[in-house]
Amino acid sequence: MTYSTNVPHLPDTPDVLCDPVVQSCYWAALGKMSKNKVLNLRDKINDNEVDLSLSNLTEVPVKELAAFPKATMLDLSCNNLTSLPPDFCSLTHLVKIDLSKNQIVSLPADLGRLVALQHLDLYNNKLTSLPLSFSQLRNLKWLDLKDNPLEPTLAKVAGDCLDEKQCKQCATKVLQHMKALQEEADKERERRLHKEREREKKKEAQQRAREAKEKEARKREKAEEKERKRREFDAQRAAQAAQEKRKEQKPEKPRQDRPVAVKSVPKSKRSILGVLLKLVVMLLGGAFGAVAVCHMTSLRKEAACAPLNMLVEEALSWAQGQEVLRNILQKLSKQQP
């Protein structure tokens, strides 16, 4: 990677230095020059140190730096860096990093991956806090956080870094402070996880209770359905039994006598019967005629008509007796209350 060494300089007059338009144009020119790679990164390496200070950088050349794992000290001071890329934390071979006099507002969340880091200079940046992973920099021995708008608690812990001793104390105290914050964060995370697990358990318990309730309801419905079918079956059996009982108790209808088939009388027999009937009729007619002659004519005094007249008189008296008896019975029935 190459960098420009021809850095433009602003005039020293105050009116020009304070002019925002001039300042914006100056930083824009620096940004353009940082992209012009006129020198190789190898020219910036001296023994185990890479000196990229005063190079007008707006971003860190992480890929190029990763190609030199033996360069354990990196100087990025006096540039225009506002942040560090996430892959900066992959430079785990670094032992000393100088990021002073930049515009850095935050550090990567995985800064703790730089486990070999012993010296970190963050003087004169725009940091307000440090990532929790900072507590993992267990080999850190030297730290400078002066001239940063740190939050009050962190600023108090960091203290001043006016000499070597104070900077070492700053590293020790800040690490302890960040470890405490990390432990508190871990506890809070554990509490959240515990609450989450409790909620899951409660949810599972409610689910099991709901499933048990539904299962009980299904079981009850099946039992009710079975009972309903049993009652229907019993009712059908009872109806069948009652029907069979009624059939047993029902008297048999008397058999109707079949009409006797009248056998057709042969013609010869019918002719004989007709002759006999005619003879009977003739005899009856003769008898009635004789009775009439003996009773109504002058021949009734004859001896031949005497039996017939006597027979007629007895029949008439019998008929009259029957009529008198019938009248008496009718009168008696009327007199009864």
C-alpha atoms as a PDB file:
ATOM      1  CA  MET A   1       0.000   0.000   0.000  1.00  0.00           C
ATOM      2  CA  THR A   2       1.318   3.491  -0.847  1.00  0.00           C
ATOM      3  CA  TYR A   3       0.693   6.887   0.664  1.00  0.00           C
ATOM      4  CA  SER A   4       1.354  10.461  -0.315  1.00  0.00           C
ATOM      5  CA  THR A   5       4.003  12.446   1.574  1.00  0.00           C
ATOM      6  CA  ASN A   6       3.140  15.819   0.084  1.00  0.00           C
ATOM      7  CA  VAL A   7       0.785  17.113   2.779  1.00  0.00           C
ATOM      8  CA  PRO A   8      -0.674  20.590   2.117  1.00  0.00           C
ATOM      9  CA  HIS A   9      -0.236  23.155   4.871  1.00  0.00           C
ATOM     10  CA  LEU A  10      -2.728  25.859   5.884  1.00  0.00           C
ATOM     11  CA  PRO A  11      -1.571  29.423   6.279  1.00  0.00           C
ATOM     12  CA  ASP A  12      -0.857  30.461   9.843  1.00  0.00           C
ATOM     13  CA  THR A  13      -3.190  33.462   9.826  1.00  0.00           C
ATOM     14  CA  PRO A  14      -6.111  33.028  12.288  1.00  0.00           C
ATOM     15  CA  ASP A  15      -8.788  34.207   9.891  1.00  0.00           C
ATOM     16  CA  VAL A  16      -7.860  31.498   7.439  1.00  0.00           C
ATOM     17  CA  LEU A  17      -7.520  28.784  10.096  1.00  0.00           C
ATOM     18  CA  CYS A  18     -10.996  29.527  11.474  1.00  0.00           C
ATOM     19  CA  ASP A  19     -12.705  29.712   8.124  1.00  0.00           C
ATOM     20  CA  PRO A  20     -14.933  26.580   7.877  1.00  0.00           C
ATOM     21  CA  VAL A  21     -14.878  26.622   4.091  1.00  0.00           C
ATOM     22  CA  VAL A  22     -11.086  26.584   4.041  1.00  0.00           C
ATOM     23  CA  GLN A  23     -11.018  23.790   6.614  1.00  0.00           C
ATOM     24  CA  SER A  24     -13.465  21.614   4.640  1.00  0.00           C
ATOM     25  CA  CYS A  25     -11.447  22.113   1.466  1.00  0.00           C
ATOM     26  CA  TYR A  26      -8.260  21.254   3.332  1.00  0.00           C
ATOM     27  CA  TRP A  27      -9.645  17.963   4.718  1.00  0.00           C
ATOM     28  CA  ALA A  28     -11.105  17.069   1.318  1.00  0.00           C
ATOM     29  CA  ALA A  29      -7.695  17.554  -0.242  1.00  0.00           C
ATOM     30  CA  LEU A  30      -6.148  15.362   2.427  1.00  0.00           C
ATOM     31  CA  GLY A  31      -8.726  12.649   1.746  1.00  0.00           C
ATOM     32  CA  LYS A  32      -7.945  12.655  -1.949  1.00  0.00           C
ATOM     33  CA  MET A  33      -4.233  12.523  -1.291  1.00  0.00           C
ATOM     34  CA  SER A  34      -4.679   9.556   1.073  1.00  0.00           C
ATOM     35  CA  LYS A  35      -6.055   7.581  -1.835  1.00  0.00           C
ATOM     36  CA  ASN A  36      -3.044   8.297  -4.022  1.00  0.00           C
ATOM     37  CA  LYS A  37      -0.717   5.416  -3.276  1.00  0.00           C
ATOM     38  CA  VAL A  38       2.725   6.668  -4.248  1.00  0.00           C
ATOM     39  CA  LEU A  39       4.750   4.877  -1.591  1.00  0.00           C
ATOM     40  CA  ASN A  40       4.736   1.161  -0.746  1.00  0.00           C
ATOM     41  CA  LEU A  41       3.722   0.034   2.779  1.00  0.00           C
ATOM     42  CA  ARG A  42       7.008  -1.809   3.036  1.00  0.00           C
ATOM     43  CA  ASP A  43       8.757   1.562   3.058  1.00  0.00           C
ATOM     44  CA  LYS A  44       6.838   2.377   6.270  1.00  0.00           C
ATOM     45  CA  ILE A  45       8.157  -0.636   8.166  1.00  0.00           C
ATOM     46  CA  ASN A  46      11.190  -0.241  10.401  1.00  0.00           C
ATOM     47  CA  ASP A  47      12.181  -3.467  12.177  1.00  0.00           C
ATOM     48  CA  ASN A  48       8.945  -4.543  13.888  1.00  0.00           C
ATOM     49  CA  GLU A  49       7.180  -1.165  13.696  1.00  0.00           C
ATOM     50  CA  VAL A  50       4.833   0.173  11.027  1.00  0.00           C
ATOM     51  CA  ASP A  51       4.777   3.984  11.067  1.00  0.00           C
ATOM     52  CA  LEU A  52       1.667   5.341   9.353  1.00  0.00           C
ATOM     53  CA  SER A  53       1.483   8.530  11.385  1.00  0.00           C
ATOM     54  CA  LEU A  54       0.825  11.815   9.626  1.00  0.00           C
ATOM     55  CA  SER A  55      -0.345   9.894   6.534  1.00  0.00           C
ATOM     56  CA  ASN A  56      -3.727  11.607   6.182  1.00  0.00           C
ATOM     57  CA  LEU A  57      -5.504   8.289   6.586  1.00  0.00           C
ATOM     58  CA  THR A  58      -9.279   8.150   6.849  1.00  0.00           C
ATOM     59  CA  GLU A  59      -9.348   4.360   7.073  1.00  0.00           C
ATOM     60  CA  VAL A  60      -6.962   1.682   8.296  1.00  0.00           C
ATOM     61  CA  PRO A  61      -5.342  -0.582   5.648  1.00  0.00           C
ATOM     62  CA  VAL A  62      -6.107  -3.781   7.554  1.00  0.00           C
ATOM     63  CA  LYS A  63      -5.486  -6.226   4.692  1.00  0.00           C
ATOM     64  CA  GLU A  64      -2.066  -4.735   3.949  1.00  0.00           C
ATOM     65  CA  LEU A  65      -1.105  -4.739   7.642  1.00  0.00           C
ATOM     66  CA  ALA A  66      -2.150  -8.364   8.025  1.00  0.00           C
ATOM     67  CA  ALA A  67       0.500  -9.274   5.444  1.00  0.00           C
ATOM     68  CA  PHE A  68       3.247  -8.310   7.933  1.00  0.00           C
ATOM     69  CA  PRO A  69       2.594 -10.355  11.091  1.00  0.00           C
ATOM     70  CA  LYS A  70       6.110  -9.675  12.415  1.00  0.00           C
ATOM     71  CA  ALA A  71       5.359  -5.948  12.632  1.00  0.00           C
ATOM     72  CA  THR A  72       3.965  -5.897  16.188  1.00  0.00           C
ATOM     73  CA  MET A  73       3.950  -2.111  16.707  1.00  0.00           C
ATOM     74  CA  LEU A  74       1.596   0.138  14.735  1.00  0.00           C
ATOM     75  CA  ASP A  75       1.625   3.940  14.770  1.00  0.00           C
ATOM     76  CA  LEU A  76      -1.550   5.509  13.361  1.00  0.00           C
ATOM     77  CA  SER A  77      -1.299   8.782  15.232  1.00  0.00           C
ATOM     78  CA  CYS A  78      -2.096  12.157  13.729  1.00  0.00           C
ATOM     79  CA  ASN A  79      -4.492  10.943  11.025  1.00  0.00           C
ATOM     80  CA  ASN A  80      -8.145  11.535  10.240  1.00  0.00           C
ATOM     81  CA  LEU A  81      -9.569   8.247  11.497  1.00  0.00           C
ATOM     82  CA  THR A  82     -13.099   8.393  12.907  1.00  0.00           C
ATOM     83  CA  SER A  83     -13.504   4.663  13.529  1.00  0.00           C
ATOM     84  CA  LEU A  84     -11.765   1.341  13.209  1.00  0.00           C
ATOM     85  CA  PRO A  85     -13.174  -1.352  10.903  1.00  0.00           C
ATOM     86  CA  PRO A  86     -14.374  -4.612  12.514  1.00  0.00           C
ATOM     87  CA  ASP A  87     -11.596  -6.614  10.836  1.00  0.00           C
ATOM     88  CA  PHE A  88      -9.039  -4.445  12.631  1.00  0.00           C
ATOM     89  CA  CYS A  89      -9.508  -6.866  15.550  1.00  0.00           C
ATOM     90  CA  SER A  90      -8.021  -9.626  13.399  1.00  0.00           C
ATOM     91  CA  LEU A  91      -4.557  -8.056  13.838  1.00  0.00           C
ATOM     92  CA  THR A  92      -3.982 -10.173  16.933  1.00  0.00           C
ATOM     93  CA  HIS A  93      -0.171 -10.000  16.542  1.00  0.00           C
ATOM     94  CA  LEU A  94      -0.049  -6.332  17.537  1.00  0.00           C
ATOM     95  CA  VAL A  95       1.570  -5.515  20.857  1.00  0.00           C
ATOM     96  CA  LYS A  96       1.600  -1.718  20.684  1.00  0.00           C
ATOM     97  CA  ILE A  97      -0.920   0.579  18.969  1.00  0.00           C
ATOM     98  CA  ASP A  98      -0.786   4.359  18.834  1.00  0.00           C
ATOM     99  CA  LEU A  99      -4.104   5.945  17.801  1.00  0.00           C
ATOM    100  CA  SER A 100      -3.562   9.339  19.402  1.00  0.00           C
ATOM    101  CA  LYS A 101      -4.674  12.591  17.812  1.00  0.00           C
ATOM    102  CA  ASN A 102      -7.418  11.197  15.564  1.00  0.00           C
ATOM    103  CA  GLN A 103     -11.197  11.689  15.496  1.00  0.00           C
ATOM    104  CA  ILE A 104     -12.187   8.232  16.720  1.00  0.00           C
ATOM    105  CA  VAL A 105     -15.653   8.212  18.342  1.00  0.00           C
ATOM    106  CA  SER A 106     -15.938   4.468  19.084  1.00  0.00           C
ATOM    107  CA  LEU A 107     -13.868   1.300  19.152  1.00  0.00           C
ATOM    108  CA  PRO A 108     -14.866  -2.091  17.645  1.00  0.00           C
ATOM    109  CA  ALA A 109     -16.993  -4.330  19.855  1.00  0.00           C
ATOM    110  CA  ASP A 110     -14.503  -7.181  19.430  1.00  0.00           C
ATOM    111  CA  LEU A 111     -11.462  -5.170  20.512  1.00  0.00           C
ATOM    112  CA  GLY A 112     -10.856  -7.790  23.191  1.00  0.00           C
ATOM    113  CA  ARG A 113      -9.574 -10.170  20.502  1.00  0.00           C
ATOM    114  CA  LEU A 114      -6.266  -8.237  20.553  1.00  0.00           C
ATOM    115  CA  VAL A 115      -5.087 -10.411  23.448  1.00  0.00           C
ATOM    116  CA  ALA A 116      -1.376  -9.681  22.807  1.00  0.00           C
ATOM    117  CA  LEU A 117      -1.848  -5.921  23.162  1.00  0.00           C
ATOM    118  CA  GLN A 118       0.261  -4.325  25.928  1.00  0.00           C
ATOM    119  CA  HIS A 119       0.382  -0.636  24.984  1.00  0.00           C
ATOM    120  CA  LEU A 120      -2.596   1.412  23.746  1.00  0.00           C
ATOM    121  CA  ASP A 121      -2.501   5.149  23.182  1.00  0.00           C
ATOM    122  CA  LEU A 122      -5.931   6.777  22.639  1.00  0.00           C
ATOM    123  CA  TYR A 123      -4.922  10.295  23.601  1.00  0.00           C
ATOM    124  CA  ASN A 124      -6.911  13.175  22.104  1.00  0.00           C
ATOM    125  CA  ASN A 125      -9.831  11.421  20.380  1.00  0.00           C
ATOM    126  CA  LYS A 126     -13.620  11.645  20.767  1.00  0.00           C
ATOM    127  CA  LEU A 127     -14.282   8.539  22.814  1.00  0.00           C
ATOM    128  CA  THR A 128     -17.055   8.553  25.413  1.00  0.00           C
ATOM    129  CA  SER A 129     -16.963   4.863  26.373  1.00  0.00           C
ATOM    130  CA  LEU A 130     -15.112   1.602  25.815  1.00  0.00           C
ATOM    131  CA  PRO A 131     -16.523  -1.730  24.581  1.00  0.00           C
ATOM    132  CA  LEU A 132     -17.138  -4.400  27.208  1.00  0.00           C
ATOM    133  CA  SER A 133     -14.657  -6.689  25.458  1.00  0.00           C
ATOM    134  CA  PHE A 134     -11.955  -4.239  26.584  1.00  0.00           C
ATOM    135  CA  SER A 135     -11.846  -6.282  29.807  1.00  0.00           C
ATOM    136  CA  GLN A 136     -10.357  -9.190  27.822  1.00  0.00           C
ATOM    137  CA  LEU A 137      -7.125  -7.271  27.130  1.00  0.00           C
ATOM    138  CA  ARG A 138      -5.493  -9.090  30.030  1.00  0.00           C
ATOM    139  CA  ASN A 139      -1.926  -8.263  28.845  1.00  0.00           C
ATOM    140  CA  LEU A 140      -2.563  -4.494  28.685  1.00  0.00           C
ATOM    141  CA  LYS A 141       0.033  -2.656  30.783  1.00  0.00           C
ATOM    142  CA  TRP A 142      -0.123   0.917  29.467  1.00  0.00           C
ATOM    143  CA  LEU A 143      -3.152   3.072  28.552  1.00  0.00           C
ATOM    144  CA  ASP A 144      -3.685   6.749  27.798  1.00  0.00           C
ATOM    145  CA  LEU A 145      -7.253   8.139  27.605  1.00  0.00           C
ATOM    146  CA  LYS A 146      -6.511  11.827  28.157  1.00  0.00           C
ATOM    147  CA  ASP A 147      -8.411  14.473  26.227  1.00  0.00           C
ATOM    148  CA  ASN A 148     -11.426  12.304  25.441  1.00  0.00           C
ATOM    149  CA  PRO A 149     -15.015  13.257  26.353  1.00  0.00           C
ATOM    150  CA  LEU A 150     -15.337  10.164  28.565  1.00  0.00           C
ATOM    151  CA  GLU A 151     -18.383   9.544  30.671  1.00  0.00           C
ATOM    152  CA  PRO A 152     -17.813  10.732  34.252  1.00  0.00           C
ATOM    153  CA  THR A 153     -17.393   7.295  35.847  1.00  0.00           C
ATOM    154  CA  LEU A 154     -14.880   6.104  33.260  1.00  0.00           C
ATOM    155  CA  ALA A 155     -13.009   9.440  33.343  1.00  0.00           C
ATOM    156  CA  LYS A 156     -12.695   9.188  37.110  1.00  0.00           C
ATOM    157  CA  VAL A 157     -11.386   5.625  36.892  1.00  0.00           C
ATOM    158  CA  ALA A 158      -8.883   6.472  34.126  1.00  0.00           C
ATOM    159  CA  GLY A 159      -7.466   9.480  35.924  1.00  0.00           C
ATOM    160  CA  ASP A 160      -4.519  11.435  34.510  1.00  0.00           C
ATOM    161  CA  CYS A 161      -1.777   9.915  32.398  1.00  0.00           C
ATOM    162  CA  LEU A 162       0.965  12.450  32.888  1.00  0.00           C
ATOM    163  CA  ASP A 163       3.788   9.962  33.305  1.00  0.00           C
ATOM    164  CA  GLU A 164       4.627   6.305  32.841  1.00  0.00           C
ATOM    165  CA  LYS A 165       3.391   5.327  36.278  1.00  0.00           C
ATOM    166  CA  GLN A 166       0.003   7.007  35.864  1.00  0.00           C
ATOM    167  CA  CYS A 167      -0.501   5.411  32.444  1.00  0.00           C
ATOM    168  CA  LYS A 168       0.193   1.982  33.911  1.00  0.00           C
ATOM    169  CA  GLN A 169      -2.226   2.695  36.747  1.00  0.00           C
ATOM    170  CA  CYS A 170      -4.783   3.811  34.166  1.00  0.00           C
ATOM    171  CA  ALA A 171      -4.474   0.476  32.347  1.00  0.00           C
ATOM    172  CA  THR A 172      -4.892  -1.488  35.592  1.00  0.00           C
ATOM    173  CA  LYS A 173      -7.853   0.520  36.902  1.00  0.00           C
ATOM    174  CA  VAL A 174      -9.665   0.673  33.569  1.00  0.00           C
ATOM    175  CA  LEU A 175      -9.290  -3.082  33.126  1.00  0.00           C
ATOM    176  CA  GLN A 176     -10.707  -3.663  36.593  1.00  0.00           C
ATOM    177  CA  HIS A 177     -13.551  -1.269  35.879  1.00  0.00           C
ATOM    178  CA  MET A 178     -14.345  -2.908  32.546  1.00  0.00           C
ATOM    179  CA  LYS A 179     -14.180  -6.361  34.133  1.00  0.00           C
ATOM    180  CA  ALA A 180     -16.727  -5.220  36.725  1.00  0.00           C
ATOM    181  CA  LEU A 181     -18.929  -3.866  33.953  1.00  0.00           C
ATOM    182  CA  GLN A 182     -18.476  -7.112  32.039  1.00  0.00           C
ATOM    183  CA  GLU A 183     -19.445  -9.153  35.086  1.00  0.00           C
ATOM    184  CA  GLU A 184     -22.473  -6.957  35.648  1.00  0.00           C
ATOM    185  CA  ALA A 185     -23.391  -7.308  31.980  1.00  0.00           C
ATOM    186  CA  ASP A 186     -22.933 -11.067  32.234  1.00  0.00           C
ATOM    187  CA  LYS A 187     -25.132 -11.158  35.327  1.00  0.00           C
ATOM    188  CA  GLU A 188     -27.737  -9.040  33.593  1.00  0.00           C
ATOM    189  CA  ARG A 189     -27.581 -11.299  30.577  1.00  0.00           C
ATOM    190  CA  GLU A 190     -27.857 -14.312  32.849  1.00  0.00           C
ATOM    191  CA  ARG A 191     -30.864 -12.731  34.557  1.00  0.00           C
ATOM    192  CA  ARG A 192     -32.445 -12.107  31.176  1.00  0.00           C
ATOM    193  CA  LEU A 193     -31.701 -15.663  30.123  1.00  0.00           C
ATOM    194  CA  HIS A 194     -33.111 -16.934  33.413  1.00  0.00           C
ATOM    195  CA  LYS A 195     -36.257 -14.864  32.932  1.00  0.00           C
ATOM    196  CA  GLU A 196     -36.463 -16.075  29.376  1.00  0.00           C
ATOM    197  CA  ARG A 197     -36.099 -19.678  30.523  1.00  0.00           C
ATOM    198  CA  GLU A 198     -38.711 -19.087  33.225  1.00  0.00           C
ATOM    199  CA  ARG A 199     -41.045 -17.621  30.643  1.00  0.00           C
ATOM    200  CA  GLU A 200     -40.387 -20.596  28.380  1.00  0.00           C
ATOM    201  CA  LYS A 201     -41.031 -22.996  31.268  1.00  0.00           C
ATOM    202  CA  LYS A 202     -44.209 -21.145  32.169  1.00  0.00           C
ATOM    203  CA  LYS A 203     -45.251 -21.138  28.560  1.00  0.00           C
ATOM    204  CA  GLU A 204     -44.518 -24.866  28.275  1.00  0.00           C
ATOM    205  CA  ALA A 205     -46.425 -25.517  31.516  1.00  0.00           C
ATOM    206  CA  GLN A 206     -49.377 -23.536  30.198  1.00  0.00           C
ATOM    207  CA  GLN A 207     -49.151 -25.426  26.939  1.00  0.00           C
ATOM    208  CA  ARG A 208     -49.088 -28.745  28.777  1.00  0.00           C
ATOM    209  CA  ALA A 209     -52.020 -27.657  30.953  1.00  0.00           C
ATOM    210  CA  ARG A 210     -53.921 -26.557  27.874  1.00  0.00           C
ATOM    211  CA  GLU A 211     -53.153 -29.842  26.117  1.00  0.00           C
ATOM    212  CA  ALA A 212     -54.181 -31.810  29.223  1.00  0.00           C
ATOM    213  CA  LYS A 213     -57.408 -29.819  29.413  1.00  0.00           C
ATOM    214  CA  GLU A 214     -58.117 -30.420  25.745  1.00  0.00           C
ATOM    215  CA  LYS A 215     -57.308 -34.099  26.182  1.00  0.00           C
ATOM    216  CA  GLU A 216     -59.660 -34.307  29.156  1.00  0.00           C
ATOM    217  CA  ALA A 217     -62.354 -32.520  27.169  1.00  0.00           C
ATOM    218  CA  ARG A 218     -61.907 -34.957  24.265  1.00  0.00           C
ATOM    219  CA  LYS A 219     -62.022 -37.868  26.702  1.00  0.00           C
ATOM    220  CA  ARG A 220     -65.208 -36.499  28.291  1.00  0.00           C
ATOM    221  CA  GLU A 221     -66.782 -35.984  24.867  1.00  0.00           C
ATOM    222  CA  LYS A 222     -65.926 -39.547  23.884  1.00  0.00           C
ATOM    223  CA  ALA A 223     -67.417 -40.845  27.149  1.00  0.00           C
ATOM    224  CA  GLU A 224     -70.591 -38.795  26.599  1.00  0.00           C
ATOM    225  CA  GLU A 225     -70.832 -40.010  23.022  1.00  0.00           C
ATOM    226  CA  LYS A 226     -70.374 -43.597  24.180  1.00  0.00           C
ATOM    227  CA  GLU A 227     -73.028 -43.139  26.874  1.00  0.00           C
ATOM    228  CA  ARG A 228     -75.423 -41.625  24.325  1.00  0.00           C
ATOM    229  CA  LYS A 229     -74.902 -44.547  21.961  1.00  0.00           C
ATOM    230  CA  ARG A 230     -75.363 -46.984  24.853  1.00  0.00           C
ATOM    231  CA  ARG A 231     -78.681 -45.350  25.791  1.00  0.00           C
ATOM    232  CA  GLU A 232     -79.818 -45.474  22.174  1.00  0.00           C
ATOM    233  CA  PHE A 233     -78.836 -49.134  21.999  1.00  0.00           C
ATOM    234  CA  ASP A 234     -80.699 -49.922  25.227  1.00  0.00           C
ATOM    235  CA  ALA A 235     -83.751 -48.030  23.966  1.00  0.00           C
ATOM    236  CA  GLN A 236     -83.692 -49.989  20.728  1.00  0.00           C
ATOM    237  CA  ARG A 237     -83.371 -53.260  22.626  1.00  0.00           C
ATOM    238  CA  ALA A 238     -86.245 -52.260  24.921  1.00  0.00           C
ATOM    239  CA  ALA A 239     -88.405 -51.291  21.954  1.00  0.00           C
ATOM    240  CA  GLN A 240     -87.678 -54.594  20.259  1.00  0.00           C
ATOM    241  CA  ALA A 241     -88.473 -56.517  23.451  1.00  0.00           C
ATOM    242  CA  ALA A 242     -91.757 -54.605  23.904  1.00  0.00           C
ATOM    243  CA  GLN A 243     -92.696 -55.254  20.307  1.00  0.00           C
ATOM    244  CA  GLU A 244     -91.987 -58.965  20.678  1.00  0.00           C
ATOM    245  CA  LYS A 245     -94.007 -59.019  23.926  1.00  0.00           C
ATOM    246  CA  ARG A 246     -96.974 -57.338  22.245  1.00  0.00           C
ATOM    247  CA  LYS A 247     -96.796 -59.893  19.488  1.00  0.00           C
ATOM    248  CA  GLU A 248     -96.852 -62.711  22.059  1.00  0.00           C
ATOM    249  CA  GLN A 249     -99.822 -61.205  23.965  1.00  0.00           C
ATOM    250  CA  LYS A 250    -101.897 -60.388  20.877  1.00  0.00           C
ATOM    251  CA  PRO A 251    -104.720 -62.992  20.461  1.00  0.00           C
ATOM    252  CA  GLU A 252    -104.863 -64.913  17.267  1.00  0.00           C
ATOM    253  CA  LYS A 253    -107.599 -63.888  14.943  1.00  0.00           C
ATOM    254  CA  PRO A 254    -110.219 -66.568  14.570  1.00  0.00           C
ATOM    255  CA  ARG A 255    -109.967 -68.294  11.362  1.00  0.00           C
ATOM    256  CA  GLN A 256    -112.752 -67.361   9.087  1.00  0.00           C
ATOM    257  CA  ASP A 257    -114.572 -70.382   7.816  1.00  0.00           C
ATOM    258  CA  ARG A 258    -113.860 -70.737   4.282  1.00  0.00           C
ATOM    259  CA  PRO A 259    -116.969 -70.640   2.173  1.00  0.00           C
ATOM    260  CA  VAL A 260    -117.937 -74.097   1.312  1.00  0.00           C
ATOM    261  CA  ALA A 261    -117.772 -74.489  -2.300  1.00  0.00           C
ATOM    262  CA  VAL A 262    -121.135 -75.478  -3.528  1.00  0.00           C
ATOM    263  CA  LYS A 263    -120.683 -78.361  -5.636  1.00  0.00           C
ATOM    264  CA  SER A 264    -122.571 -78.101  -8.786  1.00  0.00           C
ATOM    265  CA  VAL A 265    -125.380 -80.558  -8.840  1.00  0.00           C
ATOM    266  CA  PRO A 266    -125.547 -82.639 -11.882  1.00  0.00           C
ATOM    267  CA  LYS A 267    -128.380 -81.887 -14.195  1.00  0.00           C
ATOM    268  CA  SER A 268    -130.013 -85.235 -13.526  1.00  0.00           C
ATOM    269  CA  LYS A 269    -130.176 -84.517  -9.754  1.00  0.00           C
ATOM    270  CA  ARG A 270    -131.454 -80.983 -10.338  1.00  0.00           C
ATOM    271  CA  SER A 271    -134.320 -82.290 -12.412  1.00  0.00           C
ATOM    272  CA  ILE A 272    -135.338 -84.781  -9.643  1.00  0.00           C
ATOM    273  CA  LEU A 273    -135.234 -82.034  -6.980  1.00  0.00           C
ATOM    274  CA  GLY A 274    -137.364 -79.812  -9.173  1.00  0.00           C
ATOM    275  CA  VAL A 275    -139.971 -82.529  -9.575  1.00  0.00           C
ATOM    276  CA  LEU A 276    -140.005 -83.134  -5.806  1.00  0.00           C
ATOM    277  CA  LEU A 277    -140.393 -79.404  -5.063  1.00  0.00           C
ATOM    278  CA  LYS A 278    -143.225 -79.213  -7.508  1.00  0.00           C
ATOM    279  CA  LEU A 279    -144.915 -82.169  -5.848  1.00  0.00           C
ATOM    280  CA  VAL A 280    -144.481 -80.543  -2.391  1.00  0.00           C
ATOM    281  CA  VAL A 281    -145.933 -77.295  -3.671  1.00  0.00           C
ATOM    282  CA  MET A 282    -148.791 -79.110  -5.274  1.00  0.00           C
ATOM    283  CA  LEU A 283    -149.508 -81.051  -2.097  1.00  0.00           C
ATOM    284  CA  LEU A 284    -149.373 -77.861   0.016  1.00  0.00           C
ATOM    285  CA  GLY A 285    -151.622 -76.148  -2.481  1.00  0.00           C
ATOM    286  CA  GLY A 286    -154.015 -79.054  -2.396  1.00  0.00           C
ATOM    287  CA  ALA A 287    -153.954 -79.048   1.407  1.00  0.00           C
ATOM    288  CA  PHE A 288    -154.623 -75.316   1.595  1.00  0.00           C
ATOM    289  CA  GLY A 289    -157.330 -75.765  -1.010  1.00  0.00           C
ATOM    290  CA  ALA A 290    -158.979 -78.557   0.941  1.00  0.00           C
ATOM    291  CA  VAL A 291    -158.798 -76.486   4.148  1.00  0.00           C
ATOM    292  CA  ALA A 292    -160.348 -73.542   2.387  1.00  0.00           C
ATOM    293  CA  VAL A 293    -163.129 -75.692   0.896  1.00  0.00           C
ATOM    294  CA  CYS A 294    -163.862 -77.418   4.196  1.00  0.00           C
ATOM    295  CA  HIS A 295    -163.787 -74.193   6.211  1.00  0.00           C
ATOM    296  CA  MET A 296    -165.451 -71.740   3.941  1.00  0.00           C
ATOM    297  CA  THR A 297    -168.033 -73.780   2.029  1.00  0.00           C
ATOM    298  CA  SER A 298    -171.020 -75.773   3.004  1.00  0.00           C
ATOM    299  CA  LEU A 299    -168.890 -78.881   2.976  1.00  0.00           C
ATOM    300  CA  ARG A 300    -167.432 -78.019   6.441  1.00  0.00           C
ATOM    301  CA  LYS A 301    -170.213 -80.018   8.009  1.00  0.00           C
ATOM    302  CA  GLU A 302    -169.219 -83.099   6.165  1.00  0.00           C
ATOM    303  CA  ALA A 303    -167.416 -85.868   8.014  1.00  0.00           C
ATOM    304  CA  ALA A 304    -164.452 -85.658   5.650  1.00  0.00           C
ATOM    305  CA  CYS A 305    -163.840 -81.981   6.546  1.00  0.00           C
ATOM    306  CA  ALA A 306    -164.227 -82.440  10.307  1.00  0.00           C
ATOM    307  CA  PRO A 307    -160.518 -83.290  11.020  1.00  0.00           C
ATOM    308  CA  LEU A 308    -159.346 -80.432   8.860  1.00  0.00           C
ATOM    309  CA  ASN A 309    -161.685 -77.959  10.543  1.00  0.00           C
ATOM    310  CA  MET A 310    -160.573 -79.122  13.974  1.00  0.00           C
ATOM    311  CA  LEU A 311    -156.933 -78.718  13.001  1.00  0.00           C
ATOM    312  CA  VAL A 312    -157.569 -75.203  11.681  1.00  0.00           C
ATOM    313  CA  GLU A 313    -159.415 -74.161  14.821  1.00  0.00           C
ATOM    314  CA  GLU A 314    -156.632 -75.437  17.076  1.00  0.00           C
ATOM    315  CA  ALA A 315    -154.048 -73.539  15.050  1.00  0.00           C
ATOM    316  CA  LEU A 316    -156.108 -70.350  15.244  1.00  0.00           C
ATOM    317  CA  SER A 317    -156.650 -70.688  18.980  1.00  0.00           C
ATOM    318  CA  TRP A 318    -152.926 -71.306  19.467  1.00  0.00           C
ATOM    319  CA  ALA A 319    -152.098 -68.162  17.488  1.00  0.00           C
ATOM    320  CA  GLN A 320    -154.612 -66.149  19.497  1.00  0.00           C
ATOM    321  CA  GLY A 321    -153.073 -67.480  22.720  1.00  0.00           C
ATOM    322  CA  GLN A 322    -149.745 -66.368  21.585  1.00  0.00           C
ATOM    323  CA  GLU A 323    -151.071 -62.864  20.933  1.00  0.00           C
ATOM    324  CA  VAL A 324    -152.779 -62.647  24.337  1.00  0.00           C
ATOM    325  CA  LEU A 325    -149.589 -63.790  26.076  1.00  0.00           C
ATOM    326  CA  ARG A 326    -147.550 -61.219  24.195  1.00  0.00           C
ATOM    327  CA  ASN A 327    -149.930 -58.390  25.226  1.00  0.00           C
ATOM    328  CA  ILE A 328    -149.752 -59.436  28.879  1.00  0.00           C
ATOM    329  CA  LEU A 329    -145.962 -59.425  28.815  1.00  0.00           C
ATOM    330  CA  GLN A 330    -145.904 -55.960  27.263  1.00  0.00           C
ATOM    331  CA  LYS A 331    -148.209 -54.546  29.954  1.00  0.00           C
ATOM    332  CA  LEU A 332    -146.106 -56.053  32.748  1.00  0.00           C
ATOM    333  CA  SER A 333    -142.923 -54.526  31.372  1.00  0.00           C
ATOM    334  CA  LYS A 334    -144.557 -51.085  31.255  1.00  0.00           C
ATOM    335  CA  GLN A 335    -145.699 -51.291  34.911  1.00  0.00           C
ATOM    336  CA  GLN A 336    -142.145 -51.974  36.228  1.00  0.00           C
ATOM    337  CA  PRO A 337    -140.328 -48.786  37.502  1.00  0.00           C
END
